[in-house]
Amino acid sequence: MAKNDIKIESIAHKILVEPWITEATTIAAEANKYVFKVFRDATKVQIKKAIEDLYQVKVLKVWTINVSGKARIRGAIKGRKPGFKKAVVKLEKGNSINIYGEK
């Protein structure tokens, strides 16, 4: 493992949580748009750098969405699920990310 690899991983794991895989995001991947769950304090610039460093692709644009938590009731107990932040990343034409881990 090279010294540069350690730096890339340390940046990406502080920003990216996981890829967001749904039917809609699978369809969006055909248009070079990928969705990731990110930490709440991550900025668009940090998300762009983390994606470019981790996947070696060129990012054109980043959109972020703050998803609010939902109310949950279990018997007499009321609570809320925590919200999260999503990032939609558009890649340059010809680039792609292998989210599913296939070869």
N, C-alpha and C. Protein backbone atom coordinates (compact mmCIF):
# COMPACT_ATOMS: atom_id res chain seq x y z
N MET A 1 0.85 -1.17 0.00
CA MET A 1 0.00 0.00 0.00
C MET A 1 0.89 1.23 0.00
N ALA A 2 0.68 2.11 -0.96
CA ALA A 2 1.50 3.30 -1.09
C ALA A 2 1.07 4.36 -0.09
N LYS A 3 1.95 5.31 0.14
CA LYS A 3 1.66 6.40 1.09
C LYS A 3 0.46 7.21 0.61
N ASN A 4 0.34 7.40 -0.70
CA ASN A 4 -0.76 8.18 -1.27
C ASN A 4 -2.10 7.46 -1.06
N ASP A 5 -2.13 6.12 -1.09
CA ASP A 5 -3.36 5.36 -0.88
C ASP A 5 -3.93 5.60 0.51
N ILE A 6 -3.08 5.70 1.50
CA ILE A 6 -3.53 5.93 2.88
C ILE A 6 -4.20 7.29 2.98
N LYS A 7 -3.65 8.29 2.31
CA LYS A 7 -4.22 9.64 2.33
C LYS A 7 -5.60 9.65 1.67
N ILE A 8 -5.74 8.98 0.54
CA ILE A 8 -7.01 8.95 -0.17
C ILE A 8 -8.08 8.27 0.69
N GLU A 9 -7.76 7.13 1.28
CA GLU A 9 -8.74 6.41 2.09
C GLU A 9 -9.14 7.22 3.31
N SER A 10 -8.19 7.94 3.91
CA SER A 10 -8.52 8.70 5.11
C SER A 10 -9.48 9.85 4.80
N ILE A 11 -9.37 10.43 3.62
CA ILE A 11 -10.28 11.51 3.23
C ILE A 11 -11.66 10.94 2.91
N ALA A 12 -11.71 9.89 2.11
CA ALA A 12 -12.98 9.34 1.64
C ALA A 12 -13.82 8.76 2.77
N HIS A 13 -13.21 8.08 3.72
CA HIS A 13 -14.02 7.45 4.77
C HIS A 13 -14.57 8.47 5.76
N LYS A 14 -14.05 9.69 5.75
CA LYS A 14 -14.59 10.75 6.61
C LYS A 14 -15.73 11.50 5.93
N ILE A 15 -15.93 11.27 4.64
CA ILE A 15 -16.95 11.99 3.89
C ILE A 15 -18.05 11.07 3.38
N LEU A 16 -17.67 9.95 2.76
CA LEU A 16 -18.64 9.03 2.18
C LEU A 16 -19.03 7.95 3.18
N VAL A 17 -20.32 7.69 3.30
CA VAL A 17 -20.80 6.63 4.18
C VAL A 17 -20.98 5.35 3.36
N GLU A 18 -21.80 5.43 2.30
CA GLU A 18 -22.06 4.27 1.45
C GLU A 18 -22.74 4.72 0.17
N PRO A 19 -22.68 3.90 -0.88
CA PRO A 19 -23.46 4.21 -2.08
C PRO A 19 -24.94 3.96 -1.79
N TRP A 20 -25.79 4.76 -2.37
CA TRP A 20 -27.23 4.64 -2.18
C TRP A 20 -27.77 3.85 -3.37
N ILE A 21 -28.20 2.61 -3.14
CA ILE A 21 -28.61 1.73 -4.23
C ILE A 21 -30.11 1.48 -4.15
N THR A 22 -30.82 2.02 -5.13
CA THR A 22 -32.25 1.80 -5.28
C THR A 22 -32.53 1.61 -6.77
N GLU A 23 -33.77 1.34 -7.10
CA GLU A 23 -34.13 1.19 -8.50
C GLU A 23 -33.92 2.51 -9.25
N ALA A 24 -34.30 3.61 -8.62
CA ALA A 24 -34.15 4.92 -9.26
C ALA A 24 -32.68 5.29 -9.46
N THR A 25 -31.82 4.98 -8.50
CA THR A 25 -30.41 5.32 -8.65
C THR A 25 -29.72 4.41 -9.67
N THR A 26 -30.20 3.19 -9.84
CA THR A 26 -29.66 2.31 -10.86
C THR A 26 -29.98 2.86 -12.25
N ILE A 27 -31.18 3.38 -12.42
CA ILE A 27 -31.56 4.00 -13.69
C ILE A 27 -30.76 5.28 -13.91
N ALA A 28 -30.53 6.06 -12.85
CA ALA A 28 -29.76 7.31 -12.97
C ALA A 28 -28.30 7.03 -13.31
N ALA A 29 -27.79 5.87 -12.94
CA ALA A 29 -26.40 5.52 -13.25
C ALA A 29 -26.17 5.43 -14.75
N GLU A 30 -27.21 5.12 -15.51
CA GLU A 30 -27.10 5.09 -16.97
C GLU A 30 -26.83 6.48 -17.54
N ALA A 31 -27.23 7.52 -16.80
CA ALA A 31 -26.99 8.91 -17.21
C ALA A 31 -25.77 9.49 -16.49
N ASN A 32 -24.89 8.61 -15.97
CA ASN A 32 -23.67 9.01 -15.26
C ASN A 32 -23.95 9.81 -13.99
N LYS A 33 -25.06 9.51 -13.32
CA LYS A 33 -25.37 10.13 -12.03
C LYS A 33 -25.37 9.04 -10.97
N TYR A 34 -24.60 9.24 -9.91
CA TYR A 34 -24.49 8.27 -8.84
C TYR A 34 -24.85 8.93 -7.52
N VAL A 35 -25.50 8.18 -6.62
CA VAL A 35 -25.98 8.72 -5.36
C VAL A 35 -25.24 8.05 -4.21
N PHE A 36 -24.78 8.87 -3.26
CA PHE A 36 -24.05 8.38 -2.09
C PHE A 36 -24.66 8.97 -0.83
N LYS A 37 -24.65 8.20 0.23
CA LYS A 37 -25.00 8.71 1.55
C LYS A 37 -23.71 9.28 2.12
N VAL A 38 -23.76 10.52 2.61
CA VAL A 38 -22.56 11.19 3.10
C VAL A 38 -22.80 11.71 4.51
N PHE A 39 -21.71 12.07 5.20
CA PHE A 39 -21.85 12.65 6.52
C PHE A 39 -22.45 14.05 6.41
N ARG A 40 -23.20 14.44 7.43
CA ARG A 40 -23.94 15.71 7.41
C ARG A 40 -23.06 16.95 7.21
N ASP A 41 -21.85 16.93 7.74
CA ASP A 41 -21.01 18.12 7.66
C ASP A 41 -20.14 18.15 6.41
N ALA A 42 -20.31 17.21 5.48
CA ALA A 42 -19.52 17.18 4.25
C ALA A 42 -20.01 18.26 3.29
N THR A 43 -19.07 18.95 2.67
CA THR A 43 -19.40 19.99 1.69
C THR A 43 -19.32 19.40 0.29
N LYS A 44 -19.84 20.15 -0.70
CA LYS A 44 -19.81 19.70 -2.08
C LYS A 44 -18.38 19.53 -2.58
N VAL A 45 -17.51 20.43 -2.21
CA VAL A 45 -16.11 20.36 -2.64
C VAL A 45 -15.44 19.11 -2.04
N GLN A 46 -15.69 18.82 -0.78
CA GLN A 46 -15.12 17.64 -0.15
C GLN A 46 -15.66 16.36 -0.78
N ILE A 47 -16.95 16.33 -1.09
CA ILE A 47 -17.57 15.16 -1.71
C ILE A 47 -16.95 14.93 -3.08
N LYS A 48 -16.80 16.00 -3.86
CA LYS A 48 -16.20 15.90 -5.19
C LYS A 48 -14.78 15.34 -5.10
N LYS A 49 -13.98 15.86 -4.20
CA LYS A 49 -12.59 15.40 -4.05
C LYS A 49 -12.54 13.94 -3.61
N ALA A 50 -13.41 13.54 -2.69
CA ALA A 50 -13.42 12.16 -2.20
C ALA A 50 -13.79 11.18 -3.31
N ILE A 51 -14.79 11.52 -4.13
CA ILE A 51 -15.21 10.65 -5.23
C ILE A 51 -14.10 10.54 -6.27
N GLU A 52 -13.51 11.69 -6.63
CA GLU A 52 -12.45 11.69 -7.63
C GLU A 52 -11.24 10.89 -7.16
N ASP A 53 -10.86 11.04 -5.89
CA ASP A 53 -9.70 10.32 -5.37
C ASP A 53 -9.96 8.82 -5.21
N LEU A 54 -11.14 8.47 -4.72
CA LEU A 54 -11.44 7.07 -4.43
C LEU A 54 -11.68 6.25 -5.69
N TYR A 55 -12.42 6.81 -6.66
CA TYR A 55 -12.80 6.06 -7.85
C TYR A 55 -12.02 6.44 -9.10
N GLN A 56 -11.12 7.42 -9.03
CA GLN A 56 -10.33 7.89 -10.17
C GLN A 56 -11.21 8.26 -11.36
N VAL A 57 -12.21 9.11 -11.11
CA VAL A 57 -13.11 9.61 -12.15
C VAL A 57 -13.13 11.13 -12.09
N LYS A 58 -13.72 11.77 -13.11
CA LYS A 58 -13.84 13.23 -13.16
C LYS A 58 -15.29 13.60 -12.86
N VAL A 59 -15.50 14.35 -11.77
CA VAL A 59 -16.84 14.77 -11.35
C VAL A 59 -17.14 16.13 -11.96
N LEU A 60 -18.31 16.25 -12.61
CA LEU A 60 -18.73 17.52 -13.19
C LEU A 60 -19.55 18.36 -12.21
N LYS A 61 -20.46 17.72 -11.49
CA LYS A 61 -21.36 18.47 -10.62
C LYS A 61 -21.79 17.62 -9.43
N VAL A 62 -22.06 18.29 -8.31
CA VAL A 62 -22.52 17.61 -7.09
C VAL A 62 -23.76 18.32 -6.57
N TRP A 63 -24.81 17.56 -6.32
CA TRP A 63 -26.01 18.07 -5.66
C TRP A 63 -26.11 17.40 -4.30
N THR A 64 -26.54 18.14 -3.28
CA THR A 64 -26.72 17.55 -1.96
C THR A 64 -28.17 17.70 -1.52
N ILE A 65 -28.64 16.71 -0.77
CA ILE A 65 -30.02 16.68 -0.29
C ILE A 65 -29.99 16.30 1.18
N ASN A 66 -30.59 17.12 2.04
CA ASN A 66 -30.74 16.79 3.46
C ASN A 66 -32.09 16.12 3.65
N VAL A 67 -32.07 14.84 3.98
CA VAL A 67 -33.30 14.07 4.18
C VAL A 67 -33.64 14.13 5.66
N SER A 68 -34.85 14.62 5.98
CA SER A 68 -35.23 14.74 7.38
C SER A 68 -35.66 13.37 7.93
N GLY A 69 -35.54 13.21 9.24
CA GLY A 69 -35.90 11.96 9.89
C GLY A 69 -37.40 11.79 9.98
N LYS A 70 -37.84 10.54 9.99
CA LYS A 70 -39.26 10.24 10.04
C LYS A 70 -39.69 9.95 11.48
N ALA A 71 -40.93 10.31 11.79
CA ALA A 71 -41.49 9.99 13.10
C ALA A 71 -41.86 8.51 13.14
N ARG A 72 -41.58 7.86 14.25
CA ARG A 72 -41.89 6.44 14.42
C ARG A 72 -42.64 6.25 15.74
N ILE A 73 -43.62 5.35 15.73
CA ILE A 73 -44.38 5.04 16.93
C ILE A 73 -44.34 3.53 17.13
N ARG A 74 -43.97 3.12 18.31
CA ARG A 74 -43.96 1.69 18.66
C ARG A 74 -44.72 1.57 19.97
N GLY A 75 -45.98 1.19 19.88
CA GLY A 75 -46.83 1.13 21.06
C GLY A 75 -47.09 2.54 21.57
N ALA A 76 -46.77 2.78 22.85
CA ALA A 76 -46.98 4.10 23.43
C ALA A 76 -45.74 4.98 23.31
N ILE A 77 -44.66 4.44 22.75
CA ILE A 77 -43.40 5.18 22.65
C ILE A 77 -43.32 5.88 21.31
N LYS A 78 -43.09 7.19 21.35
CA LYS A 78 -42.94 7.98 20.13
C LYS A 78 -41.48 8.39 20.00
N GLY A 79 -41.00 8.38 18.79
CA GLY A 79 -39.61 8.77 18.56
C GLY A 79 -39.41 9.21 17.13
N ARG A 80 -38.16 9.46 16.78
CA ARG A 80 -37.81 9.87 15.43
C ARG A 80 -36.59 9.10 14.95
N LYS A 81 -36.61 8.77 13.68
CA LYS A 81 -35.41 8.21 13.06
C LYS A 81 -34.51 9.38 12.71
N PRO A 82 -33.21 9.18 12.77
CA PRO A 82 -32.31 10.29 12.41
C PRO A 82 -32.34 10.55 10.90
N GLY A 83 -32.16 11.78 10.53
CA GLY A 83 -32.08 12.13 9.12
C GLY A 83 -30.67 11.86 8.61
N PHE A 84 -30.46 12.13 7.33
CA PHE A 84 -29.14 11.93 6.74
C PHE A 84 -28.99 12.85 5.53
N LYS A 85 -27.81 12.84 4.95
CA LYS A 85 -27.51 13.68 3.80
C LYS A 85 -27.13 12.79 2.63
N LYS A 86 -27.70 13.09 1.45
CA LYS A 86 -27.37 12.36 0.24
C LYS A 86 -26.66 13.30 -0.72
N ALA A 87 -25.80 12.74 -1.55
CA ALA A 87 -25.12 13.51 -2.58
C ALA A 87 -25.32 12.82 -3.91
N VAL A 88 -25.78 13.58 -4.92
CA VAL A 88 -25.90 13.09 -6.28
C VAL A 88 -24.70 13.64 -7.05
N VAL A 89 -23.95 12.75 -7.69
CA VAL A 89 -22.71 13.12 -8.36
C VAL A 89 -22.84 12.82 -9.84
N LYS A 90 -22.62 13.83 -10.69
CA LYS A 90 -22.64 13.63 -12.14
C LYS A 90 -21.20 13.54 -12.62
N LEU A 91 -20.91 12.47 -13.36
CA LEU A 91 -19.57 12.23 -13.86
C LEU A 91 -19.43 12.68 -15.31
N GLU A 92 -18.18 12.91 -15.68
CA GLU A 92 -17.86 13.27 -17.06
C GLU A 92 -18.20 12.09 -17.97
N LYS A 93 -18.57 12.39 -19.21
CA LYS A 93 -18.94 11.34 -20.15
C LYS A 93 -17.75 10.39 -20.35
N GLY A 94 -18.02 9.10 -20.33
CA GLY A 94 -16.98 8.09 -20.48
C GLY A 94 -16.49 7.53 -19.16
N ASN A 95 -16.77 8.19 -18.04
CA ASN A 95 -16.39 7.69 -16.71
C ASN A 95 -17.56 6.93 -16.11
N SER A 96 -17.26 5.95 -15.27
CA SER A 96 -18.30 5.22 -14.55
C SER A 96 -17.73 4.68 -13.26
N ILE A 97 -18.62 4.37 -12.32
CA ILE A 97 -18.25 3.82 -11.02
C ILE A 97 -18.89 2.45 -10.90
N ASN A 98 -18.11 1.45 -10.51
CA ASN A 98 -18.62 0.11 -10.29
C ASN A 98 -19.07 -0.02 -8.84
N ILE A 99 -20.31 0.32 -8.55
CA ILE A 99 -20.83 0.32 -7.19
C ILE A 99 -21.11 -1.09 -6.68
N TYR A 100 -21.48 -1.98 -7.58
CA TYR A 100 -21.93 -3.32 -7.19
C TYR A 100 -20.78 -4.29 -6.90
N GLY A 101 -19.56 -3.91 -7.18
CA GLY A 101 -18.42 -4.76 -6.90
C GLY A 101 -18.19 -5.86 -7.91
N GLU A 102 -18.86 -5.78 -9.06
CA GLU A 102 -18.67 -6.77 -10.12
C GLU A 102 -17.42 -6.44 -10.90
N LYS A 103 -16.85 -7.45 -11.54
CA LYS A 103 -15.65 -7.24 -12.33
C LYS A 103 -15.97 -6.99 -13.77
